[in-house]
Amino acid sequence: MIAAAIAVVAIVAGVLLEQVVLAQSAYKLQAINKRLAGAETRQEELLADMALLESPGRIEQYARTKLGMVDPTMVEYIVADAKIVSGSDNRLAEALKNQEILPPGGGSAAGSAP
């Protein structure tokens, strides 16, 4: 009879202890989820700030106002006399032969199709 009473008390104590541990774990999980939501909100704010800071217009305005940069008054191209090596980029070889300047992107200077 005493052994049965001790066993029942041990089982009840074990169940209560398990409930306490489970409640503590749920509380910790809730706190972690709250911190995660705050971190996700902060990440979204930082991504928005990054997009704003990467804006070409903002960079140009910063360069002009804070750094004192201005547009160049004259653009000068230097054409080197280079030995033409036949290769895969025929447009470049042809431009060098004709002493043409290729615009960025590799298109022809005169606007004709490559």
PDB file of N, CA and C in Angstrom:
ATOM      1  N   MET A   1       0.806  -1.175   0.000  1.00  0.00           N
ATOM      2  CA  MET A   1       0.000   0.000   0.000  1.00  0.00           C
ATOM      3  C   MET A   1       0.868   1.266   0.000  1.00  0.00           C
ATOM      4  N   ILE A   2       1.911   1.252   0.826  1.00  0.00           N
ATOM      5  CA  ILE A   2       2.819   2.396   0.880  1.00  0.00           C
ATOM      6  C   ILE A   2       3.559   2.538  -0.453  1.00  0.00           C
ATOM      7  N   ALA A   3       3.948   1.437  -1.036  1.00  0.00           N
ATOM      8  CA  ALA A   3       4.655   1.468  -2.320  1.00  0.00           C
ATOM      9  C   ALA A   3       3.750   2.027  -3.417  1.00  0.00           C
ATOM     10  N   ALA A   4       2.486   1.667  -3.385  1.00  0.00           N
ATOM     11  CA  ALA A   4       1.538   2.152  -4.378  1.00  0.00           C
ATOM     12  C   ALA A   4       1.327   3.653  -4.213  1.00  0.00           C
ATOM     13  N   ALA A   5       1.250   4.125  -2.966  1.00  0.00           N
ATOM     14  CA  ALA A   5       1.074   5.552  -2.714  1.00  0.00           C
ATOM     15  C   ALA A   5       2.297   6.331  -3.181  1.00  0.00           C
ATOM     16  N   ILE A   6       3.491   5.783  -2.934  1.00  0.00           N
ATOM     17  CA  ILE A   6       4.726   6.435  -3.386  1.00  0.00           C
ATOM     18  C   ILE A   6       4.763   6.473  -4.917  1.00  0.00           C
ATOM     19  N   ALA A   7       4.331   5.394  -5.548  1.00  0.00           N
ATOM     20  CA  ALA A   7       4.316   5.341  -7.006  1.00  0.00           C
ATOM     21  C   ALA A   7       3.345   6.365  -7.574  1.00  0.00           C
ATOM     22  N   VAL A   8       2.162   6.501  -6.971  1.00  0.00           N
ATOM     23  CA  VAL A   8       1.172   7.467  -7.448  1.00  0.00           C
ATOM     24  C   VAL A   8       1.700   8.886  -7.271  1.00  0.00           C
ATOM     25  N   VAL A   9       2.308   9.178  -6.109  1.00  0.00           N
ATOM     26  CA  VAL A   9       2.878  10.508  -5.874  1.00  0.00           C
ATOM     27  C   VAL A   9       3.999  10.787  -6.871  1.00  0.00           C
ATOM     28  N   ALA A  10       4.829   9.812  -7.161  1.00  0.00           N
ATOM     29  CA  ALA A  10       5.925   9.987  -8.118  1.00  0.00           C
ATOM     30  C   ALA A  10       5.381  10.261  -9.519  1.00  0.00           C
ATOM     31  N   ILE A  11       4.329   9.548  -9.906  1.00  0.00           N
ATOM     32  CA  ILE A  11       3.738   9.755 -11.232  1.00  0.00           C
ATOM     33  C   ILE A  11       3.127  11.155 -11.329  1.00  0.00           C
ATOM     34  N   VAL A  12       2.389  11.559 -10.275  1.00  0.00           N
ATOM     35  CA  VAL A  12       1.783  12.890 -10.272  1.00  0.00           C
ATOM     36  C   VAL A  12       2.868  13.963 -10.314  1.00  0.00           C
ATOM     37  N   ALA A  13       3.931  13.798  -9.523  1.00  0.00           N
ATOM     38  CA  ALA A  13       5.034  14.761  -9.513  1.00  0.00           C
ATOM     39  C   ALA A  13       5.713  14.811 -10.880  1.00  0.00           C
ATOM     40  N   GLY A  14       5.874  13.666 -11.516  1.00  0.00           N
ATOM     41  CA  GLY A  14       6.484  13.616 -12.847  1.00  0.00           C
ATOM     42  C   GLY A  14       5.643  14.338 -13.884  1.00  0.00           C
ATOM     43  N   VAL A  15       4.326  14.137 -13.842  1.00  0.00           N
ATOM     44  CA  VAL A  15       3.427  14.798 -14.778  1.00  0.00           C
ATOM     45  C   VAL A  15       3.450  16.312 -14.548  1.00  0.00           C
ATOM     46  N   LEU A  16       3.410  16.724 -13.268  1.00  0.00           N
ATOM     47  CA  LEU A  16       3.462  18.157 -12.972  1.00  0.00           C
ATOM     48  C   LEU A  16       4.781  18.775 -13.429  1.00  0.00           C
ATOM     49  N   LEU A  17       5.872  18.082 -13.190  1.00  0.00           N
ATOM     50  CA  LEU A  17       7.183  18.572 -13.621  1.00  0.00           C
ATOM     51  C   LEU A  17       7.237  18.702 -15.144  1.00  0.00           C
ATOM     52  N   GLU A  18       6.664  17.718 -15.841  1.00  0.00           N
ATOM     53  CA  GLU A  18       6.630  17.765 -17.304  1.00  0.00           C
ATOM     54  C   GLU A  18       5.804  18.959 -17.783  1.00  0.00           C
ATOM     55  N   GLN A  19       4.682  19.244 -17.130  1.00  0.00           N
ATOM     56  CA  GLN A  19       3.845  20.383 -17.495  1.00  0.00           C
ATOM     57  C   GLN A  19       4.578  21.709 -17.277  1.00  0.00           C
ATOM     58  N   VAL A  20       5.341  21.798 -16.200  1.00  0.00           N
ATOM     59  CA  VAL A  20       6.106  23.014 -15.921  1.00  0.00           C
ATOM     60  C   VAL A  20       7.176  23.220 -16.994  1.00  0.00           C
ATOM     61  N   VAL A  21       7.888  22.152 -17.313  1.00  0.00           N
ATOM     62  CA  VAL A  21       8.936  22.240 -18.342  1.00  0.00           C
ATOM     63  C   VAL A  21       8.312  22.611 -19.687  1.00  0.00           C
ATOM     64  N   LEU A  22       7.171  22.029 -20.006  1.00  0.00           N
ATOM     65  CA  LEU A  22       6.485  22.327 -21.265  1.00  0.00           C
ATOM     66  C   LEU A  22       6.041  23.795 -21.306  1.00  0.00           C
ATOM     67  N   ALA A  23       5.523  24.311 -20.204  1.00  0.00           N
ATOM     68  CA  ALA A  23       5.095  25.715 -20.152  1.00  0.00           C
ATOM     69  C   ALA A  23       6.292  26.651 -20.305  1.00  0.00           C
ATOM     70  N   GLN A  24       7.422  26.310 -19.668  1.00  0.00           N
ATOM     71  CA  GLN A  24       8.626  27.136 -19.798  1.00  0.00           C
ATOM     72  C   GLN A  24       9.121  27.132 -21.248  1.00  0.00           C
ATOM     73  N   SER A  25       9.075  25.979 -21.881  1.00  0.00           N
ATOM     74  CA  SER A  25       9.518  25.889 -23.279  1.00  0.00           C
ATOM     75  C   SER A  25       8.613  26.713 -24.188  1.00  0.00           C
ATOM     76  N   ALA A  26       7.320  26.686 -23.942  1.00  0.00           N
ATOM     77  CA  ALA A  26       6.386  27.473 -24.749  1.00  0.00           C
ATOM     78  C   ALA A  26       6.643  28.957 -24.560  1.00  0.00           C
ATOM     79  N   TYR A  27       6.933  29.374 -23.338  1.00  0.00           N
ATOM     80  CA  TYR A  27       7.227  30.783 -23.068  1.00  0.00           C
ATOM     81  C   TYR A  27       8.509  31.215 -23.798  1.00  0.00           C
ATOM     82  N   LYS A  28       9.532  30.354 -23.730  1.00  0.00           N
ATOM     83  CA  LYS A  28      10.798  30.668 -24.425  1.00  0.00           C
ATOM     84  C   LYS A  28      10.571  30.733 -25.931  1.00  0.00           C
ATOM     85  N   LEU A  29       9.764  29.810 -26.462  1.00  0.00           N
ATOM     86  CA  LEU A  29       9.479  29.805 -27.900  1.00  0.00           C
ATOM     87  C   LEU A  29       8.751  31.081 -28.309  1.00  0.00           C
ATOM     88  N   GLN A  30       7.815  31.527 -27.482  1.00  0.00           N
ATOM     89  CA  GLN A  30       7.089  32.761 -27.768  1.00  0.00           C
ATOM     90  C   GLN A  30       8.043  33.957 -27.782  1.00  0.00           C
ATOM     91  N   ALA A  31       8.979  34.006 -26.827  1.00  0.00           N
ATOM     92  CA  ALA A  31       9.949  35.102 -26.781  1.00  0.00           C
ATOM     93  C   ALA A  31      10.859  35.075 -28.006  1.00  0.00           C
ATOM     94  N   ILE A  32      11.269  33.889 -28.419  1.00  0.00           N
ATOM     95  CA  ILE A  32      12.135  33.760 -29.604  1.00  0.00           C
ATOM     96  C   ILE A  32      11.378  34.190 -30.852  1.00  0.00           C
ATOM     97  N   ASN A  33      10.114  33.797 -30.977  1.00  0.00           N
ATOM     98  CA  ASN A  33       9.312  34.208 -32.142  1.00  0.00           C
ATOM     99  C   ASN A  33       9.132  35.716 -32.181  1.00  0.00           C
ATOM    100  N   LYS A  34       8.976  36.334 -31.014  1.00  0.00           N
ATOM    101  CA  LYS A  34       8.842  37.787 -30.957  1.00  0.00           C
ATOM    102  C   LYS A  34      10.134  38.463 -31.412  1.00  0.00           C
ATOM    103  N   ARG A  35      11.282  37.942 -30.963  1.00  0.00           N
ATOM    104  CA  ARG A  35      12.575  38.497 -31.401  1.00  0.00           C
ATOM    105  C   ARG A  35      12.777  38.292 -32.896  1.00  0.00           C
ATOM    106  N   LEU A  36      12.346  37.136 -33.409  1.00  0.00           N
ATOM    107  CA  LEU A  36      12.466  36.858 -34.843  1.00  0.00           C
ATOM    108  C   LEU A  36      11.645  37.845 -35.660  1.00  0.00           C
ATOM    109  N   ALA A  37      10.423  38.129 -35.216  1.00  0.00           N
ATOM    110  CA  ALA A  37       9.577  39.093 -35.938  1.00  0.00           C
ATOM    111  C   ALA A  37      10.227  40.477 -35.934  1.00  0.00           C
ATOM    112  N   GLY A  38      10.813  40.865 -34.804  1.00  0.00           N
ATOM    113  CA  GLY A  38      11.508  42.155 -34.744  1.00  0.00           C
ATOM    114  C   GLY A  38      12.711  42.194 -35.671  1.00  0.00           C
ATOM    115  N   ALA A  39      13.455  41.086 -35.732  1.00  0.00           N
ATOM    116  CA  ALA A  39      14.627  41.028 -36.611  1.00  0.00           C
ATOM    117  C   ALA A  39      14.214  41.073 -38.078  1.00  0.00           C
ATOM    118  N   GLU A  40      13.106  40.419 -38.422  1.00  0.00           N
ATOM    119  CA  GLU A  40      12.629  40.454 -39.808  1.00  0.00           C
ATOM    120  C   GLU A  40      12.179  41.859 -40.197  1.00  0.00           C
ATOM    121  N   THR A  41      11.524  42.549 -39.270  1.00  0.00           N
ATOM    122  CA  THR A  41      11.112  43.934 -39.530  1.00  0.00           C
ATOM    123  C   THR A  41      12.335  44.819 -39.745  1.00  0.00           C
ATOM    124  N   ARG A  42      13.347  44.632 -38.908  1.00  0.00           N
ATOM    125  CA  ARG A  42      14.586  45.417 -39.032  1.00  0.00           C
ATOM    126  C   ARG A  42      15.274  45.122 -40.363  1.00  0.00           C
ATOM    127  N   GLN A  43      15.264  43.858 -40.794  1.00  0.00           N
ATOM    128  CA  GLN A  43      15.877  43.502 -42.071  1.00  0.00           C
ATOM    129  C   GLN A  43      15.157  44.200 -43.223  1.00  0.00           C
ATOM    130  N   GLU A  44      13.833  44.238 -43.174  1.00  0.00           N
ATOM    131  CA  GLU A  44      13.071  44.917 -44.230  1.00  0.00           C
ATOM    132  C   GLU A  44      13.402  46.406 -44.260  1.00  0.00           C
ATOM    133  N   GLU A  45      13.540  47.018 -43.082  1.00  0.00           N
ATOM    134  CA  GLU A  45      13.906  48.435 -43.019  1.00  0.00           C
ATOM    135  C   GLU A  45      15.290  48.661 -43.620  1.00  0.00           C
ATOM    136  N   LEU A  46      16.225  47.780 -43.288  1.00  0.00           N
ATOM    137  CA  LEU A  46      17.588  47.922 -43.815  1.00  0.00           C
ATOM    138  C   LEU A  46      17.627  47.717 -45.325  1.00  0.00           C
ATOM    139  N   LEU A  47      16.836  46.771 -45.833  1.00  0.00           N
ATOM    140  CA  LEU A  47      16.780  46.564 -47.283  1.00  0.00           C
ATOM    141  C   LEU A  47      16.203  47.797 -47.985  1.00  0.00           C
ATOM    142  N   ALA A  48      15.195  48.414 -47.386  1.00  0.00           N
ATOM    143  CA  ALA A  48      14.629  49.635 -47.968  1.00  0.00           C
ATOM    144  C   ALA A  48      15.660  50.763 -47.943  1.00  0.00           C
ATOM    145  N   ASP A  49      16.389  50.897 -46.831  1.00  0.00           N
ATOM    146  CA  ASP A  49      17.439  51.910 -46.746  1.00  0.00           C
ATOM    147  C   ASP A  49      18.524  51.659 -47.787  1.00  0.00           C
ATOM    148  N   MET A  50      18.896  50.381 -47.975  1.00  0.00           N
ATOM    149  CA  MET A  50      19.930  50.034 -48.946  1.00  0.00           C
ATOM    150  C   MET A  50      19.485  50.403 -50.359  1.00  0.00           C
ATOM    151  N   ALA A  51      18.230  50.106 -50.685  1.00  0.00           N
ATOM    152  CA  ALA A  51      17.718  50.446 -52.017  1.00  0.00           C
ATOM    153  C   ALA A  51      17.743  51.955 -52.232  1.00  0.00           C
ATOM    154  N   LEU A  52      17.406  52.707 -51.198  1.00  0.00           N
ATOM    155  CA  LEU A  52      17.433  54.162 -51.308  1.00  0.00           C
ATOM    156  C   LEU A  52      18.856  54.670 -51.491  1.00  0.00           C
ATOM    157  N   LEU A  53      19.795  54.102 -50.729  1.00  0.00           N
ATOM    158  CA  LEU A  53      21.180  54.559 -50.816  1.00  0.00           C
ATOM    159  C   LEU A  53      21.843  54.169 -52.135  1.00  0.00           C
ATOM    160  N   GLU A  54      21.384  53.085 -52.763  1.00  0.00           N
ATOM    161  CA  GLU A  54      21.965  52.644 -54.034  1.00  0.00           C
ATOM    162  C   GLU A  54      21.382  53.381 -55.232  1.00  0.00           C
ATOM    163  N   SER A  55      20.404  54.235 -55.031  1.00  0.00           N
ATOM    164  CA  SER A  55      19.753  54.952 -56.113  1.00  0.00           C
ATOM    165  C   SER A  55      20.772  55.808 -56.865  1.00  0.00           C
ATOM    166  N   PRO A  56      20.856  55.661 -58.194  1.00  0.00           N
ATOM    167  CA  PRO A  56      21.802  56.467 -58.972  1.00  0.00           C
ATOM    168  C   PRO A  56      21.578  57.969 -58.808  1.00  0.00           C
ATOM    169  N   GLY A  57      20.332  58.393 -58.706  1.00  0.00           N
ATOM    170  CA  GLY A  57      20.049  59.809 -58.525  1.00  0.00           C
ATOM    171  C   GLY A  57      20.598  60.340 -57.212  1.00  0.00           C
ATOM    172  N   ARG A  58      20.460  59.547 -56.142  1.00  0.00           N
ATOM    173  CA  ARG A  58      20.981  59.956 -54.844  1.00  0.00           C
ATOM    174  C   ARG A  58      22.504  60.000 -54.870  1.00  0.00           C
ATOM    175  N   ILE A  59      23.128  59.035 -55.536  1.00  0.00           N
ATOM    176  CA  ILE A  59      24.586  59.008 -55.622  1.00  0.00           C
ATOM    177  C   ILE A  59      25.087  60.220 -56.406  1.00  0.00           C
ATOM    178  N   GLU A  60      24.385  60.543 -57.506  1.00  0.00           N
ATOM    179  CA  GLU A  60      24.791  61.711 -58.296  1.00  0.00           C
ATOM    180  C   GLU A  60      24.635  62.992 -57.477  1.00  0.00           C
ATOM    181  N   GLN A  61      23.518  63.121 -56.776  1.00  0.00           N
ATOM    182  CA  GLN A  61      23.298  64.315 -55.960  1.00  0.00           C
ATOM    183  C   GLN A  61      24.361  64.424 -54.865  1.00  0.00           C
ATOM    184  N   TYR A  62      24.699  63.315 -54.242  1.00  0.00           N
ATOM    185  CA  TYR A  62      25.731  63.323 -53.201  1.00  0.00           C
ATOM    186  C   TYR A  62      27.076  63.735 -53.786  1.00  0.00           C
ATOM    187  N   ALA A  63      27.397  63.198 -54.976  1.00  0.00           N
ATOM    188  CA  ALA A  63      28.667  63.529 -55.614  1.00  0.00           C
ATOM    189  C   ALA A  63      28.745  65.012 -55.957  1.00  0.00           C
ATOM    190  N   ARG A  64      27.635  65.568 -56.403  1.00  0.00           N
ATOM    191  CA  ARG A  64      27.630  66.989 -56.775  1.00  0.00           C
ATOM    192  C   ARG A  64      27.653  67.901 -55.545  1.00  0.00           C
ATOM    193  N   THR A  65      26.824  67.604 -54.532  1.00  0.00           N
ATOM    194  CA  THR A  65      26.701  68.519 -53.394  1.00  0.00           C
ATOM    195  C   THR A  65      27.793  68.329 -52.357  1.00  0.00           C
ATOM    196  N   LYS A  66      28.096  67.108 -52.003  1.00  0.00           N
ATOM    197  CA  LYS A  66      29.048  66.857 -50.918  1.00  0.00           C
ATOM    198  C   LYS A  66      30.496  66.757 -51.405  1.00  0.00           C
ATOM    199  N   LEU A  67      30.682  66.184 -52.590  1.00  0.00           N
ATOM    200  CA  LEU A  67      32.042  65.974 -53.099  1.00  0.00           C
ATOM    201  C   LEU A  67      32.479  67.032 -54.095  1.00  0.00           C
ATOM    202  N   GLY A  68      31.550  67.862 -54.544  1.00  0.00           N
ATOM    203  CA  GLY A  68      31.888  68.940 -55.469  1.00  0.00           C
ATOM    204  C   GLY A  68      32.203  68.469 -56.876  1.00  0.00           C
ATOM    205  N   MET A  69      31.705  67.324 -57.267  1.00  0.00           N
ATOM    206  CA  MET A  69      31.970  66.824 -58.616  1.00  0.00           C
ATOM    207  C   MET A  69      31.076  67.536 -59.623  1.00  0.00           C
ATOM    208  N   VAL A  70      31.588  67.692 -60.853  1.00  0.00           N
ATOM    209  CA  VAL A  70      30.841  68.340 -61.927  1.00  0.00           C
ATOM    210  C   VAL A  70      30.980  67.497 -63.184  1.00  0.00           C
ATOM    211  N   ASP A  71      30.110  67.768 -64.162  1.00  0.00           N
ATOM    212  CA  ASP A  71      30.227  67.088 -65.454  1.00  0.00           C
ATOM    213  C   ASP A  71      31.491  67.579 -66.154  1.00  0.00           C
ATOM    214  N   PRO A  72      32.169  66.711 -66.888  1.00  0.00           N
ATOM    215  CA  PRO A  72      33.359  67.161 -67.603  1.00  0.00           C
ATOM    216  C   PRO A  72      32.978  68.146 -68.712  1.00  0.00           C
ATOM    217  N   THR A  73      33.855  69.110 -68.954  1.00  0.00           N
ATOM    218  CA  THR A  73      33.586  70.090 -70.003  1.00  0.00           C
ATOM    219  C   THR A  73      33.879  69.523 -71.380  1.00  0.00           C
ATOM    220  N   MET A  74      34.801  68.559 -71.428  1.00  0.00           N
ATOM    221  CA  MET A  74      35.174  67.981 -72.705  1.00  0.00           C
ATOM    222  C   MET A  74      35.533  66.515 -72.490  1.00  0.00           C
ATOM    223  N   VAL A  75      35.123  65.679 -73.427  1.00  0.00           N
ATOM    224  CA  VAL A  75      35.458  64.261 -73.377  1.00  0.00           C
ATOM    225  C   VAL A  75      36.442  63.998 -74.499  1.00  0.00           C
ATOM    226  N   GLU A  76      37.558  63.403 -74.146  1.00  0.00           N
ATOM    227  CA  GLU A  76      38.595  63.154 -75.135  1.00  0.00           C
ATOM    228  C   GLU A  76      38.886  61.666 -75.175  1.00  0.00           C
ATOM    229  N   TYR A  77      38.929  61.129 -76.380  1.00  0.00           N
ATOM    230  CA  TYR A  77      39.244  59.716 -76.555  1.00  0.00           C
ATOM    231  C   TYR A  77      40.651  59.599 -77.115  1.00  0.00           C
ATOM    232  N   ILE A  78      41.370  58.652 -76.620  1.00  0.00           N
ATOM    233  CA  ILE A  78      42.716  58.390 -77.128  1.00  0.00           C
ATOM    234  C   ILE A  78      42.662  57.066 -77.864  1.00  0.00           C
ATOM    235  N   VAL A  79      43.091  57.093 -79.136  1.00  0.00           N
ATOM    236  CA  VAL A  79      43.092  55.889 -79.944  1.00  0.00           C
ATOM    237  C   VAL A  79      44.529  55.434 -80.091  1.00  0.00           C
ATOM    238  N   ALA A  80      44.778  54.218 -79.683  1.00  0.00           N
ATOM    239  CA  ALA A  80      46.124  53.670 -79.763  1.00  0.00           C
ATOM    240  C   ALA A  80      46.313  52.973 -81.099  1.00  0.00           C
ATOM    241  N   ASP A  81      47.515  53.067 -81.625  1.00  0.00           N
ATOM    242  CA  ASP A  81      47.862  52.341 -82.838  1.00  0.00           C
ATOM    243  C   ASP A  81      48.266  50.936 -82.397  1.00  0.00           C
ATOM    244  N   ALA A  82      47.380  49.988 -82.591  1.00  0.00           N
ATOM    245  CA  ALA A  82      47.613  48.636 -82.087  1.00  0.00           C
ATOM    246  C   ALA A  82      47.645  47.659 -83.244  1.00  0.00           C
ATOM    247  N   LYS A  83      48.398  46.608 -83.032  1.00  0.00           N
ATOM    248  CA  LYS A  83      48.458  45.542 -84.022  1.00  0.00           C
ATOM    249  C   LYS A  83      47.142  44.773 -83.955  1.00  0.00           C
ATOM    250  N   ILE A  84      46.523  44.579 -85.118  1.00  0.00           N
ATOM    251  CA  ILE A  84      45.241  43.896 -85.176  1.00  0.00           C
ATOM    252  C   ILE A  84      45.505  42.404 -85.230  1.00  0.00           C
ATOM    253  N   VAL A  85      44.898  41.714 -84.289  1.00  0.00           N
ATOM    254  CA  VAL A  85      45.004  40.255 -84.252  1.00  0.00           C
ATOM    255  C   VAL A  85      43.632  39.712 -84.591  1.00  0.00           C
ATOM    256  N   SER A  86      43.586  38.835 -85.577  1.00  0.00           N
ATOM    257  CA  SER A  86      42.278  38.291 -85.934  1.00  0.00           C
ATOM    258  C   SER A  86      41.813  37.414 -84.784  1.00  0.00           C
ATOM    259  N   GLY A  87      40.577  37.609 -84.449  1.00  0.00           N
ATOM    260  CA  GLY A  87      40.029  36.856 -83.326  1.00  0.00           C
ATOM    261  C   GLY A  87      38.528  36.793 -83.426  1.00  0.00           C
ATOM    262  N   SER A  88      37.904  36.567 -82.286  1.00  0.00           N
ATOM    263  CA  SER A  88      36.457  36.381 -82.282  1.00  0.00           C
ATOM    264  C   SER A  88      35.707  37.703 -82.340  1.00  0.00           C
ATOM    265  N   ASP A  89      36.294  38.816 -81.895  1.00  0.00           N
ATOM    266  CA  ASP A  89      35.570  40.093 -81.886  1.00  0.00           C
ATOM    267  C   ASP A  89      35.955  40.899 -83.117  1.00  0.00           C
ATOM    268  N   ASN A  90      35.273  40.653 -84.228  1.00  0.00           N
ATOM    269  CA  ASN A  90      35.567  41.325 -85.493  1.00  0.00           C
ATOM    270  C   ASN A  90      35.200  42.801 -85.441  1.00  0.00           C
ATOM    271  N   ARG A  91      34.193  43.181 -84.634  1.00  0.00           N
ATOM    272  CA  ARG A  91      33.794  44.581 -84.539  1.00  0.00           C
ATOM    273  C   ARG A  91      34.928  45.413 -83.957  1.00  0.00           C
ATOM    274  N   LEU A  92      35.603  44.894 -82.948  1.00  0.00           N
ATOM    275  CA  LEU A  92      36.708  45.622 -82.336  1.00  0.00           C
ATOM    276  C   LEU A  92      37.859  45.754 -83.329  1.00  0.00           C
ATOM    277  N   ALA A  93      38.188  44.679 -84.007  1.00  0.00           N
ATOM    278  CA  ALA A  93      39.273  44.725 -84.987  1.00  0.00           C
ATOM    279  C   ALA A  93      38.947  45.718 -86.094  1.00  0.00           C
ATOM    280  N   GLU A  94      37.703  45.719 -86.566  1.00  0.00           N
ATOM    281  CA  GLU A  94      37.300  46.637 -87.630  1.00  0.00           C
ATOM    282  C   GLU A  94      37.334  48.084 -87.139  1.00  0.00           C
ATOM    283  N   ALA A  95      36.919  48.318 -85.910  1.00  0.00           N
ATOM    284  CA  ALA A  95      36.936  49.673 -85.357  1.00  0.00           C
ATOM    285  C   ALA A  95      38.364  50.181 -85.221  1.00  0.00           C
ATOM    286  N   LEU A  96      39.259  49.314 -84.814  1.00  0.00           N
ATOM    287  CA  LEU A  96      40.651  49.729 -84.683  1.00  0.00           C
ATOM    288  C   LEU A  96      41.266  50.019 -86.052  1.00  0.00           C
ATOM    289  N   LYS A  97      40.891  49.245 -87.036  1.00  0.00           N
ATOM    290  CA  LYS A  97      41.396  49.498 -88.373  1.00  0.00           C
ATOM    291  C   LYS A  97      40.918  50.851 -88.886  1.00  0.00           C
ATOM    292  N   ASN A  98      39.653  51.173 -88.629  1.00  0.00           N
ATOM    293  CA  ASN A  98      39.056  52.415 -89.113  1.00  0.00           C
ATOM    294  C   ASN A  98      39.256  53.573 -88.141  1.00  0.00           C
ATOM    295  N   GLN A  99      39.934  53.337 -87.029  1.00  0.00           N
ATOM    296  CA  GLN A  99      40.182  54.361 -86.007  1.00  0.00           C
ATOM    297  C   GLN A  99      38.865  54.903 -85.452  1.00  0.00           C
ATOM    298  N   GLU A 100      37.865  54.026 -85.296  1.00  0.00           N
ATOM    299  CA  GLU A 100      36.585  54.425 -84.748  1.00  0.00           C
ATOM    300  C   GLU A 100      36.601  54.233 -83.235  1.00  0.00           C
ATOM    301  N   ILE A 101      35.723  54.912 -82.584  1.00  0.00           N
ATOM    302  CA  ILE A 101      35.530  54.751 -81.149  1.00  0.00           C
ATOM    303  C   ILE A 101      34.233  53.975 -80.955  1.00  0.00           C
ATOM    304  N   LEU A 102      34.320  52.868 -80.241  1.00  0.00           N
ATOM    305  CA  LEU A 102      33.123  52.092 -79.951  1.00  0.00           C
ATOM    306  C   LEU A 102      32.480  52.631 -78.683  1.00  0.00           C
ATOM    307  N   PRO A 103      31.169  52.828 -78.691  1.00  0.00           N
ATOM    308  CA  PRO A 103      30.487  53.256 -77.472  1.00  0.00           C
ATOM    309  C   PRO A 103      30.429  52.093 -76.477  1.00  0.00           C
ATOM    310  N   PRO A 104      30.133  52.373 -75.215  1.00  0.00           N
ATOM    311  CA  PRO A 104      30.010  51.279 -74.248  1.00  0.00           C
ATOM    312  C   PRO A 104      28.961  50.288 -74.706  1.00  0.00           C
ATOM    313  N   GLY A 105      29.246  49.021 -74.566  1.00  0.00           N
ATOM    314  CA  GLY A 105      28.339  47.983 -75.010  1.00  0.00           C
ATOM    315  C   GLY A 105      28.805  47.342 -76.292  1.00  0.00           C
ATOM    316  N   GLY A 106      29.758  47.911 -76.982  1.00  0.00           N
ATOM    317  CA  GLY A 106      30.356  47.284 -78.143  1.00  0.00           C
ATOM    318  C   GLY A 106      29.656  47.533 -79.450  1.00  0.00           C
ATOM    319  N   GLY A 107      28.612  48.377 -79.498  1.00  0.00           N
ATOM    320  CA  GLY A 107      27.929  48.688 -80.746  1.00  0.00           C
ATOM    321  C   GLY A 107      28.801  49.544 -81.626  1.00  0.00           C
ATOM    322  N   SER A 108      28.391  49.765 -82.844  1.00  0.00           N
ATOM    323  CA  SER A 108      29.199  50.587 -83.737  1.00  0.00           C
ATOM    324  C   SER A 108      28.993  52.066 -83.419  1.00  0.00           C
ATOM    325  N   ALA A 109      29.997  52.861 -83.669  1.00  0.00           N
ATOM    326  CA  ALA A 109      29.964  54.285 -83.344  1.00  0.00           C
ATOM    327  C   ALA A 109      28.970  55.026 -84.238  1.00  0.00           C
ATOM    328  N   ALA A 110      28.815  54.586 -85.488  1.00  0.00           N
ATOM    329  CA  ALA A 110      27.946  55.277 -86.422  1.00  0.00           C
ATOM    330  C   ALA A 110      26.488  54.899 -86.247  1.00  0.00           C
ATOM    331  N   GLY A 111      26.201  53.928 -85.365  1.00  0.00           N
ATOM    332  CA  GLY A 111      24.834  53.543 -85.124  1.00  0.00           C
ATOM    333  C   GLY A 111      24.332  52.460 -86.055  1.00  0.00           C
ATOM    334  N   SER A 112      25.230  51.888 -86.887  1.00  0.00           N
ATOM    335  CA  SER A 112      24.808  50.840 -87.789  1.00  0.00           C
ATOM    336  C   SER A 112      24.742  49.521 -87.021  1.00  0.00           C
ATOM    337  N   ALA A 113      24.014  48.579 -87.579  1.00  0.00           N
ATOM    338  CA  ALA A 113      23.862  47.277 -86.928  1.00  0.00           C
ATOM    339  C   ALA A 113      25.190  46.543 -86.974  1.00  0.00           C
ATOM    340  N   PRO A 114      25.498  45.766 -85.923  1.00  0.00           N
ATOM    341  CA  PRO A 114      26.761  45.029 -85.907  1.00  0.00           C
ATOM    342  C   PRO A 114      26.777  43.913 -86.904  1.00  0.00           C
TER     343      PRO A 114
END
